[in-house]
Amino acid sequence: MRERVTVCEVGPRDGLQMAKSRMSTAVKTRWIAAMAESGVPEIEVGSFVSPRLIPQMSDTAEIVRRAVLLPRVIIVALAPNLRGAQEAYAAGAHRISVPVSVSEGHSRANLNRTPDEQVAEVARIVSWVRGQDRPMEVEGACSTSFGCSFDGRVATASVVRVAVELAAVGVDMVALADTVGYAHPSLIRSVVRAVRGEIGARLDGLHLHDTMGLGIANALAGLEEGIRNFDAALAGLGGCPFAPGASGNIVTEDLVFMLESMGFDTGIDLDRLIRARDILAEGLPAEALHGQVSVAGIPKTFRVAA
């Protein structure tokens, strides 16, 4: 048995929120279905935010309702507050990711709250979710864990403090996010070690951006530190509209190629995953698509180990 690494596709949320145009609900539904059929085990399909601020997410409730009908895939949605969590629950989401910026500057720009105020909001969300009939997982996502375009460096102690507070209010899992892509491998290692030292296995994953071209290197550093859950976006789309300078996520296809080449099991058919780019290109014809494997082609030496 090969060791499993879970890849969560965040293109329909993080990827589309920075797109210059809106992908139609019909095309978005087909795109998500194609990625699920390739074996992607988790897909973050949208965010429950004001459509006035991010119009690309105006159909998230409908997308969630359609996506949860797909077999063998966990459907995730971003929910920044209790109202968003309630809407995600009503639509049938399996998990919500609640962002908590570690840095003050990003927290105010993104959520108009301090980090402490947002932790308190997470506590309200967890309390409400636990009182419902159907279970729904709650992930606390520590945004700007490795740097901030407003505040610059982010102290590791601050990341640890937020992660500990999230664990204390009862989230199911904690993820560390390199929101603006400022991390480097040694920083990934040191922050992951520090957080894991305080909350143990509750530290579940990494959300990485490729702003400085170090995204895959950072994923490898996280992998070597024992992280087995990674966010990525097909064709490397993405960025945060409230974090100046943030560019795309790490490329799902390239990450899967690296993991499978190293002998890990992602459960994803790389060829079928790459073909899903065609639907993405159809839905956003003016958007630049990124990635190395899709351009070079899957090497003849590539074999998925038994």
C-alpha atoms as a PDB file:
ATOM      1  CA  MET A   1       0.000   0.000   0.000  1.00  0.00           C
ATOM      2  CA  ARG A   2       1.363   3.398  -0.980  1.00  0.00           C
ATOM      3  CA  GLU A   3       1.046   6.240   1.504  1.00  0.00           C
ATOM      4  CA  ARG A   4      -1.895   8.499   0.740  1.00  0.00           C
ATOM      5  CA  VAL A   5      -1.603  12.245   0.202  1.00  0.00           C
ATOM      6  CA  THR A   6      -4.843  14.197  -0.146  1.00  0.00           C
ATOM      7  CA  VAL A   7      -5.043  16.990  -2.700  1.00  0.00           C
ATOM      8  CA  CYS A   8      -7.910  19.449  -2.282  1.00  0.00           C
ATOM      9  CA  GLU A   9      -8.731  21.298  -5.498  1.00  0.00           C
ATOM     10  CA  VAL A  10      -9.457  24.960  -4.712  1.00  0.00           C
ATOM     11  CA  GLY A  11      -9.689  26.329  -8.246  1.00  0.00           C
ATOM     12  CA  PRO A  12     -13.468  26.814  -8.232  1.00  0.00           C
ATOM     13  CA  ARG A  13     -13.073  29.056  -5.184  1.00  0.00           C
ATOM     14  CA  ASP A  14      -9.607  30.564  -4.902  1.00  0.00           C
ATOM     15  CA  GLY A  15      -8.964  30.262  -8.632  1.00  0.00           C
ATOM     16  CA  LEU A  16     -12.122  31.948  -9.812  1.00  0.00           C
ATOM     17  CA  GLN A  17     -12.324  34.747  -7.255  1.00  0.00           C
ATOM     18  CA  MET A  18      -9.555  36.622  -9.058  1.00  0.00           C
ATOM     19  CA  ALA A  19     -10.720  35.844 -12.602  1.00  0.00           C
ATOM     20  CA  LYS A  20     -11.446  38.820 -14.826  1.00  0.00           C
ATOM     21  CA  SER A  21     -14.764  37.349 -15.936  1.00  0.00           C
ATOM     22  CA  ARG A  22     -17.388  35.041 -14.463  1.00  0.00           C
ATOM     23  CA  MET A  23     -17.609  31.375 -15.347  1.00  0.00           C
ATOM     24  CA  SER A  24     -21.187  30.311 -15.945  1.00  0.00           C
ATOM     25  CA  THR A  25     -22.852  27.993 -13.460  1.00  0.00           C
ATOM     26  CA  ALA A  26     -23.293  25.337 -16.151  1.00  0.00           C
ATOM     27  CA  VAL A  27     -19.630  25.284 -17.135  1.00  0.00           C
ATOM     28  CA  LYS A  28     -18.512  25.450 -13.518  1.00  0.00           C
ATOM     29  CA  THR A  29     -20.667  22.413 -12.747  1.00  0.00           C
ATOM     30  CA  ARG A  30     -19.129  20.447 -15.634  1.00  0.00           C
ATOM     31  CA  TRP A  31     -15.619  21.477 -14.609  1.00  0.00           C
ATOM     32  CA  ILE A  32     -16.099  20.351 -11.013  1.00  0.00           C
ATOM     33  CA  ALA A  33     -17.622  17.064 -12.190  1.00  0.00           C
ATOM     34  CA  ALA A  34     -14.664  16.423 -14.519  1.00  0.00           C
ATOM     35  CA  MET A  35     -12.169  16.940 -11.710  1.00  0.00           C
ATOM     36  CA  ALA A  36     -14.169  14.683  -9.410  1.00  0.00           C
ATOM     37  CA  GLU A  37     -14.253  12.002 -12.121  1.00  0.00           C
ATOM     38  CA  SER A  38     -10.450  12.207 -12.389  1.00  0.00           C
ATOM     39  CA  GLY A  39     -10.286  11.118  -8.746  1.00  0.00           C
ATOM     40  CA  VAL A  40      -9.800  14.452  -6.965  1.00  0.00           C
ATOM     41  CA  PRO A  41     -11.019  13.572  -3.456  1.00  0.00           C
ATOM     42  CA  GLU A  42     -11.841  17.067  -2.140  1.00  0.00           C
ATOM     43  CA  ILE A  43     -12.990  20.180  -4.001  1.00  0.00           C
ATOM     44  CA  GLU A  44     -13.508  23.647  -2.561  1.00  0.00           C
ATOM     45  CA  VAL A  45     -16.295  24.776  -4.862  1.00  0.00           C
ATOM     46  CA  GLY A  46     -16.934  28.355  -3.762  1.00  0.00           C
ATOM     47  CA  SER A  47     -17.291  30.836  -0.944  1.00  0.00           C
ATOM     48  CA  PHE A  48     -20.314  32.218   0.853  1.00  0.00           C
ATOM     49  CA  VAL A  49     -19.376  35.873   0.646  1.00  0.00           C
ATOM     50  CA  SER A  50     -21.153  38.980  -0.562  1.00  0.00           C
ATOM     51  CA  PRO A  51     -21.614  38.812  -4.361  1.00  0.00           C
ATOM     52  CA  ARG A  52     -21.150  42.557  -4.339  1.00  0.00           C
ATOM     53  CA  LEU A  53     -17.555  42.037  -3.225  1.00  0.00           C
ATOM     54  CA  ILE A  54     -16.790  38.871  -5.204  1.00  0.00           C
ATOM     55  CA  PRO A  55     -19.406  38.441  -7.968  1.00  0.00           C
ATOM     56  CA  GLN A  56     -17.716  35.273  -9.223  1.00  0.00           C
ATOM     57  CA  MET A  57     -19.069  33.520  -6.112  1.00  0.00           C
ATOM     58  CA  SER A  58     -22.707  34.578  -6.514  1.00  0.00           C
ATOM     59  CA  ASP A  59     -23.815  31.054  -7.489  1.00  0.00           C
ATOM     60  CA  THR A  60     -22.012  29.192  -4.700  1.00  0.00           C
ATOM     61  CA  ALA A  61     -25.150  27.833  -3.039  1.00  0.00           C
ATOM     62  CA  GLU A  62     -26.358  26.326  -6.316  1.00  0.00           C
ATOM     63  CA  ILE A  63     -22.907  24.936  -7.078  1.00  0.00           C
ATOM     64  CA  VAL A  64     -22.738  23.263  -3.654  1.00  0.00           C
ATOM     65  CA  ARG A  65     -26.198  21.754  -4.107  1.00  0.00           C
ATOM     66  CA  ARG A  66     -25.110  20.239  -7.418  1.00  0.00           C
ATOM     67  CA  ALA A  67     -21.637  19.172  -6.312  1.00  0.00           C
ATOM     68  CA  VAL A  68     -22.763  17.223  -3.243  1.00  0.00           C
ATOM     69  CA  LEU A  69     -24.533  14.830  -5.615  1.00  0.00           C
ATOM     70  CA  LEU A  70     -21.170  13.725  -7.014  1.00  0.00           C
ATOM     71  CA  PRO A  71     -19.950  10.403  -5.572  1.00  0.00           C
ATOM     72  CA  ARG A  72     -16.754   9.930  -3.556  1.00  0.00           C
ATOM     73  CA  VAL A  73     -15.796  13.597  -3.223  1.00  0.00           C
ATOM     74  CA  ILE A  74     -15.812  15.894  -0.200  1.00  0.00           C
ATOM     75  CA  ILE A  75     -17.372  19.256  -1.048  1.00  0.00           C
ATOM     76  CA  VAL A  76     -15.828  22.216   0.768  1.00  0.00           C
ATOM     77  CA  ALA A  77     -16.880  25.863   0.852  1.00  0.00           C
ATOM     78  CA  LEU A  78     -15.261  28.918   2.381  1.00  0.00           C
ATOM     79  CA  ALA A  79     -17.398  30.657   4.999  1.00  0.00           C
ATOM     80  CA  PRO A  80     -15.957  33.774   6.672  1.00  0.00           C
ATOM     81  CA  ASN A  81     -18.725  34.192   9.237  1.00  0.00           C
ATOM     82  CA  LEU A  82     -21.685  32.503  10.915  1.00  0.00           C
ATOM     83  CA  ARG A  83     -24.122  33.562   8.213  1.00  0.00           C
ATOM     84  CA  GLY A  84     -21.883  32.019   5.549  1.00  0.00           C
ATOM     85  CA  ALA A  85     -21.567  28.838   7.601  1.00  0.00           C
ATOM     86  CA  GLN A  86     -25.345  28.600   7.898  1.00  0.00           C
ATOM     87  CA  GLU A  87     -25.755  29.072   4.154  1.00  0.00           C
ATOM     88  CA  ALA A  88     -23.112  26.417   3.465  1.00  0.00           C
ATOM     89  CA  TYR A  89     -24.853  24.014   5.810  1.00  0.00           C
ATOM     90  CA  ALA A  90     -28.229  24.634   4.176  1.00  0.00           C
ATOM     91  CA  ALA A  91     -26.722  23.934   0.748  1.00  0.00           C
ATOM     92  CA  GLY A  92     -25.294  20.632   2.004  1.00  0.00           C
ATOM     93  CA  ALA A  93     -21.539  21.294   2.201  1.00  0.00           C
ATOM     94  CA  HIS A  94     -19.515  18.544   3.834  1.00  0.00           C
ATOM     95  CA  ARG A  95     -16.920  20.955   5.218  1.00  0.00           C
ATOM     96  CA  ILE A  96     -16.390  24.668   5.603  1.00  0.00           C
ATOM     97  CA  SER A  97     -13.070  26.457   5.713  1.00  0.00           C
ATOM     98  CA  VAL A  98     -13.125  29.556   7.914  1.00  0.00           C
ATOM     99  CA  PRO A  99     -10.239  31.997   7.308  1.00  0.00           C
ATOM    100  CA  VAL A 100      -8.480  33.631  10.248  1.00  0.00           C
ATOM    101  CA  SER A 101      -5.712  36.018   9.241  1.00  0.00           C
ATOM    102  CA  VAL A 102      -2.698  35.892  11.523  1.00  0.00           C
ATOM    103  CA  SER A 103      -1.616  39.395  10.474  1.00  0.00           C
ATOM    104  CA  GLU A 104      -3.612  42.422  11.558  1.00  0.00           C
ATOM    105  CA  GLY A 105      -3.377  44.202   8.209  1.00  0.00           C
ATOM    106  CA  HIS A 106      -4.780  41.361   6.140  1.00  0.00           C
ATOM    107  CA  SER A 107      -7.423  40.563   8.730  1.00  0.00           C
ATOM    108  CA  ARG A 108      -8.830  44.084   8.543  1.00  0.00           C
ATOM    109  CA  ALA A 109      -8.593  44.239   4.737  1.00  0.00           C
ATOM    110  CA  ASN A 110     -10.136  40.821   4.180  1.00  0.00           C
ATOM    111  CA  LEU A 111     -12.677  40.528   6.993  1.00  0.00           C
ATOM    112  CA  ASN A 112     -12.845  43.986   8.639  1.00  0.00           C
ATOM    113  CA  ARG A 113     -12.046  42.289  11.957  1.00  0.00           C
ATOM    114  CA  THR A 114      -9.001  41.781  14.134  1.00  0.00           C
ATOM    115  CA  PRO A 115      -7.585  38.241  14.347  1.00  0.00           C
ATOM    116  CA  ASP A 116      -9.004  37.892  17.871  1.00  0.00           C
ATOM    117  CA  GLU A 117     -12.449  38.973  16.705  1.00  0.00           C
ATOM    118  CA  GLN A 118     -12.335  36.405  13.902  1.00  0.00           C
ATOM    119  CA  VAL A 119     -11.330  33.620  16.310  1.00  0.00           C
ATOM    120  CA  ALA A 120     -14.401  34.562  18.351  1.00  0.00           C
ATOM    121  CA  GLU A 121     -16.487  34.259  15.176  1.00  0.00           C
ATOM    122  CA  VAL A 122     -15.051  30.782  14.581  1.00  0.00           C
ATOM    123  CA  ALA A 123     -16.110  29.828  18.101  1.00  0.00           C
ATOM    124  CA  ARG A 124     -19.674  30.936  17.280  1.00  0.00           C
ATOM    125  CA  ILE A 125     -19.597  28.916  14.070  1.00  0.00           C
ATOM    126  CA  VAL A 126     -18.342  25.760  15.781  1.00  0.00           C
ATOM    127  CA  SER A 127     -20.959  26.079  18.505  1.00  0.00           C
ATOM    128  CA  TRP A 128     -23.744  26.478  15.952  1.00  0.00           C
ATOM    129  CA  VAL A 129     -22.544  23.614  13.731  1.00  0.00           C
ATOM    130  CA  ARG A 130     -22.269  21.233  16.681  1.00  0.00           C
ATOM    131  CA  GLY A 131     -25.924  21.892  17.484  1.00  0.00           C
ATOM    132  CA  GLN A 132     -27.197  20.785  14.065  1.00  0.00           C
ATOM    133  CA  ASP A 133     -28.556  17.371  13.120  1.00  0.00           C
ATOM    134  CA  ARG A 134     -26.153  16.752  10.233  1.00  0.00           C
ATOM    135  CA  PRO A 135     -22.399  16.835  10.839  1.00  0.00           C
ATOM    136  CA  MET A 136     -20.297  19.354   8.935  1.00  0.00           C
ATOM    137  CA  GLU A 137     -16.549  19.656   9.428  1.00  0.00           C
ATOM    138  CA  VAL A 138     -15.044  23.021  10.319  1.00  0.00           C
ATOM    139  CA  GLU A 139     -11.514  23.870   9.258  1.00  0.00           C
ATOM    140  CA  GLY A 140      -9.704  26.855  10.710  1.00  0.00           C
ATOM    141  CA  ALA A 141      -7.439  28.287   8.015  1.00  0.00           C
ATOM    142  CA  CYS A 142      -4.600  30.469   9.314  1.00  0.00           C
ATOM    143  CA  SER A 143      -4.170  32.990   6.497  1.00  0.00           C
ATOM    144  CA  THR A 144      -0.871  34.900   6.070  1.00  0.00           C
ATOM    145  CA  SER A 145       0.973  32.325   8.159  1.00  0.00           C
ATOM    146  CA  PHE A 146       4.201  32.953   6.271  1.00  0.00           C
ATOM    147  CA  GLY A 147       4.083  36.655   5.462  1.00  0.00           C
ATOM    148  CA  CYS A 148       1.712  39.502   4.654  1.00  0.00           C
ATOM    149  CA  SER A 149       1.683  42.110   1.889  1.00  0.00           C
ATOM    150  CA  PHE A 150       0.479  44.691   4.442  1.00  0.00           C
ATOM    151  CA  ASP A 151       2.478  43.842   7.562  1.00  0.00           C
ATOM    152  CA  GLY A 152       5.512  42.091   6.099  1.00  0.00           C
ATOM    153  CA  ARG A 153       6.972  39.346   8.264  1.00  0.00           C
ATOM    154  CA  VAL A 154       4.644  37.364  10.472  1.00  0.00           C
ATOM    155  CA  ALA A 155       6.084  36.044  13.721  1.00  0.00           C
ATOM    156  CA  THR A 156       5.939  32.278  14.130  1.00  0.00           C
ATOM    157  CA  ALA A 157       4.701  32.847  17.675  1.00  0.00           C
ATOM    158  CA  SER A 158       1.674  34.666  16.254  1.00  0.00           C
ATOM    159  CA  VAL A 159       0.880  31.742  13.949  1.00  0.00           C
ATOM    160  CA  VAL A 160       1.169  29.314  16.856  1.00  0.00           C
ATOM    161  CA  ARG A 161      -1.096  31.484  19.010  1.00  0.00           C
ATOM    162  CA  VAL A 162      -3.871  31.592  16.399  1.00  0.00           C
ATOM    163  CA  ALA A 163      -3.570  27.856  15.681  1.00  0.00           C
ATOM    164  CA  VAL A 164      -3.788  27.045  19.399  1.00  0.00           C
ATOM    165  CA  GLU A 165      -6.829  29.297  19.802  1.00  0.00           C
ATOM    166  CA  LEU A 166      -8.567  27.643  16.852  1.00  0.00           C
ATOM    167  CA  ALA A 167      -7.883  24.206  18.276  1.00  0.00           C
ATOM    168  CA  ALA A 168      -9.210  25.382  21.635  1.00  0.00           C
ATOM    169  CA  VAL A 169     -12.551  26.534  20.183  1.00  0.00           C
ATOM    170  CA  GLY A 170     -13.040  23.102  18.659  1.00  0.00           C
ATOM    171  CA  VAL A 171     -12.302  23.206  14.937  1.00  0.00           C
ATOM    172  CA  ASP A 172     -11.859  19.770  13.385  1.00  0.00           C
ATOM    173  CA  MET A 173      -8.605  20.724  11.683  1.00  0.00           C
ATOM    174  CA  VAL A 174      -6.189  23.609  11.238  1.00  0.00           C
ATOM    175  CA  ALA A 175      -4.481  24.563   7.975  1.00  0.00           C
ATOM    176  CA  LEU A 176      -1.621  26.984   7.407  1.00  0.00           C
ATOM    177  CA  ALA A 177      -1.981  29.266   4.388  1.00  0.00           C
ATOM    178  CA  ASP A 178       0.751  31.071   2.486  1.00  0.00           C
ATOM    179  CA  THR A 179      -1.824  33.580   1.254  1.00  0.00           C
ATOM    180  CA  VAL A 180       0.587  35.820  -0.631  1.00  0.00           C
ATOM    181  CA  GLY A 181       3.223  33.239  -1.539  1.00  0.00           C
ATOM    182  CA  TYR A 182       6.107  34.647   0.477  1.00  0.00           C
ATOM    183  CA  ALA A 183       7.191  31.365   2.098  1.00  0.00           C
ATOM    184  CA  HIS A 184      10.375  29.432   1.430  1.00  0.00           C
ATOM    185  CA  PRO A 185      11.156  25.815   2.361  1.00  0.00           C
ATOM    186  CA  SER A 186      13.023  26.475   5.593  1.00  0.00           C
ATOM    187  CA  LEU A 187      10.226  28.761   6.812  1.00  0.00           C
ATOM    188  CA  ILE A 188       7.640  26.104   5.976  1.00  0.00           C
ATOM    189  CA  ARG A 189       9.600  23.578   8.023  1.00  0.00           C
ATOM    190  CA  SER A 190      10.053  25.815  11.052  1.00  0.00           C
ATOM    191  CA  VAL A 191       6.439  27.027  11.214  1.00  0.00           C
ATOM    192  CA  VAL A 192       4.986  23.541  10.664  1.00  0.00           C
ATOM    193  CA  ARG A 193       7.199  22.161  13.443  1.00  0.00           C
ATOM    194  CA  ALA A 194       6.250  24.956  15.833  1.00  0.00           C
ATOM    195  CA  VAL A 195       2.517  24.599  15.235  1.00  0.00           C
ATOM    196  CA  ARG A 196       2.556  20.819  15.350  1.00  0.00           C
ATOM    197  CA  GLY A 197       4.462  21.000  18.614  1.00  0.00           C
ATOM    198  CA  GLU A 198       1.449  22.758  20.156  1.00  0.00           C
ATOM    199  CA  ILE A 199      -1.598  21.208  18.460  1.00  0.00           C
ATOM    200  CA  GLY A 200      -0.252  17.895  17.174  1.00  0.00           C
ATOM    201  CA  ALA A 201      -2.318  16.073  14.550  1.00  0.00           C
ATOM    202  CA  ARG A 202      -4.927  18.857  14.517  1.00  0.00           C
ATOM    203  CA  LEU A 203      -2.530  20.552  12.076  1.00  0.00           C
ATOM    204  CA  ASP A 204      -3.895  19.066   8.893  1.00  0.00           C
ATOM    205  CA  GLY A 205      -2.730  20.833   5.767  1.00  0.00           C
ATOM    206  CA  LEU A 206      -1.013  23.550   3.751  1.00  0.00           C
ATOM    207  CA  HIS A 207      -2.489  26.084   1.339  1.00  0.00           C
ATOM    208  CA  LEU A 208       0.325  27.383  -0.858  1.00  0.00           C
ATOM    209  CA  HIS A 209       0.677  30.079  -3.507  1.00  0.00           C
ATOM    210  CA  ASP A 210       3.372  30.324  -6.164  1.00  0.00           C
ATOM    211  CA  THR A 211       3.976  34.081  -6.190  1.00  0.00           C
ATOM    212  CA  MET A 212       7.753  33.718  -5.923  1.00  0.00           C
ATOM    213  CA  GLY A 213       7.996  30.440  -7.832  1.00  0.00           C
ATOM    214  CA  LEU A 214       8.612  28.401  -4.680  1.00  0.00           C
ATOM    215  CA  GLY A 215       5.213  26.749  -4.342  1.00  0.00           C
ATOM    216  CA  ILE A 216       6.206  23.206  -5.280  1.00  0.00           C
ATOM    217  CA  ALA A 217       9.444  23.477  -3.281  1.00  0.00           C
ATOM    218  CA  ASN A 218       7.360  24.551  -0.293  1.00  0.00           C
ATOM    219  CA  ALA A 219       4.993  21.628  -0.817  1.00  0.00           C
ATOM    220  CA  LEU A 220       7.973  19.279  -0.769  1.00  0.00           C
ATOM    221  CA  ALA A 221       9.204  20.850   2.476  1.00  0.00           C
ATOM    222  CA  GLY A 222       5.759  20.358   3.998  1.00  0.00           C
ATOM    223  CA  LEU A 223       5.682  16.786   2.760  1.00  0.00           C
ATOM    224  CA  GLU A 224       9.030  16.103   4.408  1.00  0.00           C
ATOM    225  CA  GLU A 225       7.598  17.523   7.655  1.00  0.00           C
ATOM    226  CA  GLY A 226       4.727  15.045   7.535  1.00  0.00           C
ATOM    227  CA  ILE A 227       1.980  17.161   5.951  1.00  0.00           C
ATOM    228  CA  ARG A 228      -0.331  14.906   3.944  1.00  0.00           C
ATOM    229  CA  ASN A 229      -3.024  17.369   2.848  1.00  0.00           C
ATOM    230  CA  PHE A 230      -2.409  20.100   0.282  1.00  0.00           C
ATOM    231  CA  ASP A 231      -4.576  22.673  -1.484  1.00  0.00           C
ATOM    232  CA  ALA A 232      -3.884  23.363  -5.159  1.00  0.00           C
ATOM    233  CA  ALA A 233      -5.656  24.863  -8.172  1.00  0.00           C
ATOM    234  CA  LEU A 234      -5.949  23.473 -11.663  1.00  0.00           C
ATOM    235  CA  ALA A 235      -3.806  25.531 -14.050  1.00  0.00           C
ATOM    236  CA  GLY A 236      -2.433  27.516 -11.097  1.00  0.00           C
ATOM    237  CA  LEU A 237      -5.250  30.045 -10.969  1.00  0.00           C
ATOM    238  CA  GLY A 238      -5.899  32.045  -7.856  1.00  0.00           C
ATOM    239  CA  GLY A 239      -5.015  34.859  -5.539  1.00  0.00           C
ATOM    240  CA  CYS A 240      -6.619  36.951  -2.845  1.00  0.00           C
ATOM    241  CA  PRO A 241      -8.437  40.134  -3.928  1.00  0.00           C
ATOM    242  CA  PHE A 242      -7.691  41.617  -0.496  1.00  0.00           C
ATOM    243  CA  ALA A 243      -3.957  40.800  -0.488  1.00  0.00           C
ATOM    244  CA  PRO A 244      -2.049  42.975  -2.979  1.00  0.00           C
ATOM    245  CA  GLY A 245       0.560  41.045  -4.948  1.00  0.00           C
ATOM    246  CA  ALA A 246      -0.851  37.587  -4.298  1.00  0.00           C
ATOM    247  CA  SER A 247      -0.803  35.400  -7.384  1.00  0.00           C
ATOM    248  CA  GLY A 248      -1.923  31.889  -8.205  1.00  0.00           C
ATOM    249  CA  ASN A 249      -2.018  28.696  -6.180  1.00  0.00           C
ATOM    250  CA  ILE A 250       0.359  25.834  -6.775  1.00  0.00           C
ATOM    251  CA  VAL A 251      -0.657  23.915  -9.912  1.00  0.00           C
ATOM    252  CA  THR A 252      -2.701  20.817  -9.121  1.00  0.00           C
ATOM    253  CA  GLU A 253      -1.396  18.878 -12.120  1.00  0.00           C
ATOM    254  CA  ASP A 254       2.241  19.573 -11.261  1.00  0.00           C
ATOM    255  CA  LEU A 255       1.709  18.702  -7.603  1.00  0.00           C
ATOM    256  CA  VAL A 256       0.030  15.409  -8.506  1.00  0.00           C
ATOM    257  CA  PHE A 257       2.872  14.575 -10.913  1.00  0.00           C
ATOM    258  CA  MET A 258       5.460  15.178  -8.185  1.00  0.00           C
ATOM    259  CA  LEU A 259       3.582  13.183  -5.561  1.00  0.00           C
ATOM    260  CA  GLU A 260       2.828  10.215  -7.787  1.00  0.00           C
ATOM    261  CA  SER A 261       6.399  10.210  -9.163  1.00  0.00           C
ATOM    262  CA  MET A 262       7.685  10.035  -5.578  1.00  0.00           C
ATOM    263  CA  GLY A 263       5.515   7.003  -4.886  1.00  0.00           C
ATOM    264  CA  PHE A 264       2.645   8.616  -2.982  1.00  0.00           C
ATOM    265  CA  ASP A 265      -0.962   7.742  -3.762  1.00  0.00           C
ATOM    266  CA  THR A 266      -3.235  10.686  -4.623  1.00  0.00           C
ATOM    267  CA  GLY A 267      -5.978   8.581  -6.200  1.00  0.00           C
ATOM    268  CA  ILE A 268      -5.982  11.009  -9.146  1.00  0.00           C
ATOM    269  CA  ASP A 269      -5.740  10.038 -12.812  1.00  0.00           C
ATOM    270  CA  LEU A 270      -3.282  12.654 -14.059  1.00  0.00           C
ATOM    271  CA  ASP A 271      -4.261  12.384 -17.723  1.00  0.00           C
ATOM    272  CA  ARG A 272      -7.966  12.891 -16.950  1.00  0.00           C
ATOM    273  CA  LEU A 273      -7.122  15.758 -14.597  1.00  0.00           C
ATOM    274  CA  ILE A 274      -5.192  17.545 -17.347  1.00  0.00           C
ATOM    275  CA  ARG A 275      -8.134  17.101 -19.729  1.00  0.00           C
ATOM    276  CA  ALA A 276     -10.298  19.021 -17.244  1.00  0.00           C
ATOM    277  CA  ARG A 277      -8.286  22.106 -18.239  1.00  0.00           C
ATOM    278  CA  ASP A 278     -10.245  22.150 -21.502  1.00  0.00           C
ATOM    279  CA  ILE A 279     -13.470  22.902 -19.640  1.00  0.00           C
ATOM    280  CA  LEU A 280     -11.691  25.560 -17.586  1.00  0.00           C
ATOM    281  CA  ALA A 281     -10.419  27.189 -20.799  1.00  0.00           C
ATOM    282  CA  GLU A 282     -13.942  27.050 -22.251  1.00  0.00           C
ATOM    283  CA  GLY A 283     -15.383  28.801 -19.215  1.00  0.00           C
ATOM    284  CA  LEU A 284     -12.660  31.442 -18.949  1.00  0.00           C
ATOM    285  CA  PRO A 285     -11.269  31.846 -22.485  1.00  0.00           C
ATOM    286  CA  ALA A 286      -9.381  35.058 -21.665  1.00  0.00           C
ATOM    287  CA  GLU A 287      -7.659  33.693 -18.562  1.00  0.00           C
ATOM    288  CA  ALA A 288      -3.990  32.643 -18.666  1.00  0.00           C
ATOM    289  CA  LEU A 289      -3.502  29.011 -17.637  1.00  0.00           C
ATOM    290  CA  HIS A 290      -0.288  27.858 -15.999  1.00  0.00           C
ATOM    291  CA  GLY A 291       1.528  24.603 -15.344  1.00  0.00           C
ATOM    292  CA  GLN A 292       4.514  22.597 -16.537  1.00  0.00           C
ATOM    293  CA  VAL A 293       3.160  19.078 -16.974  1.00  0.00           C
ATOM    294  CA  SER A 294       0.268  20.183 -19.165  1.00  0.00           C
ATOM    295  CA  VAL A 295       2.683  21.934 -21.555  1.00  0.00           C
ATOM    296  CA  ALA A 296       5.431  19.326 -21.599  1.00  0.00           C
ATOM    297  CA  GLY A 297       3.082  16.369 -21.548  1.00  0.00           C
ATOM    298  CA  ILE A 298       3.212  13.420 -19.178  1.00  0.00           C
ATOM    299  CA  PRO A 299       6.657  11.843 -19.636  1.00  0.00           C
ATOM    300  CA  LYS A 300       6.875   8.312 -21.017  1.00  0.00           C
ATOM    301  CA  THR A 301       8.885   7.443 -17.918  1.00  0.00           C
ATOM    302  CA  PHE A 302       5.925   8.313 -15.656  1.00  0.00           C
ATOM    303  CA  ARG A 303       4.376   5.261 -14.081  1.00  0.00           C
ATOM    304  CA  VAL A 304       1.940   5.082 -11.218  1.00  0.00           C
ATOM    305  CA  ALA A 305       3.364   2.582  -8.749  1.00  0.00           C
ATOM    306  CA  ALA A 306       1.176  -0.381  -7.819  1.00  0.00           C
END
